[in-house]
Amino acid sequence: MLLKNEGNTLPLDRAKLKTIAVIGPWADQVLLDWYSGTPPYAVSALEGIREAAGSRAKVLLPTAPTPRRPRPWLPRRRGDRGSGQPS
């Protein structure tokens, strides 16, 4: 993700935040690939934002349609290009 900080909007002022919408079909998942290694723990974008916001702001995850295209960059087994769908 790349953000343009026009008008010095960032960092956001926690005291002024009331609601945060986290958008994206994989916002509540941790996606790993061959270069990820084996992390000792995993935190999704949604979990991280909820933790950072605490009880001060409501964090929403709008229902998004399931992506139609498979994710071939996430093979199921070594050497298997796969469909990106869980086995």
Foldseek 3Di string as FASTA:
>chain_A
DDDDCPPVCPPPDLQPAAEAEDEDPCQQDDDDAPPRPDDPDDGGNQRVVCVVSDPRYHYHYDDDDDDDAADQRHAPDVPGSDRNDHD
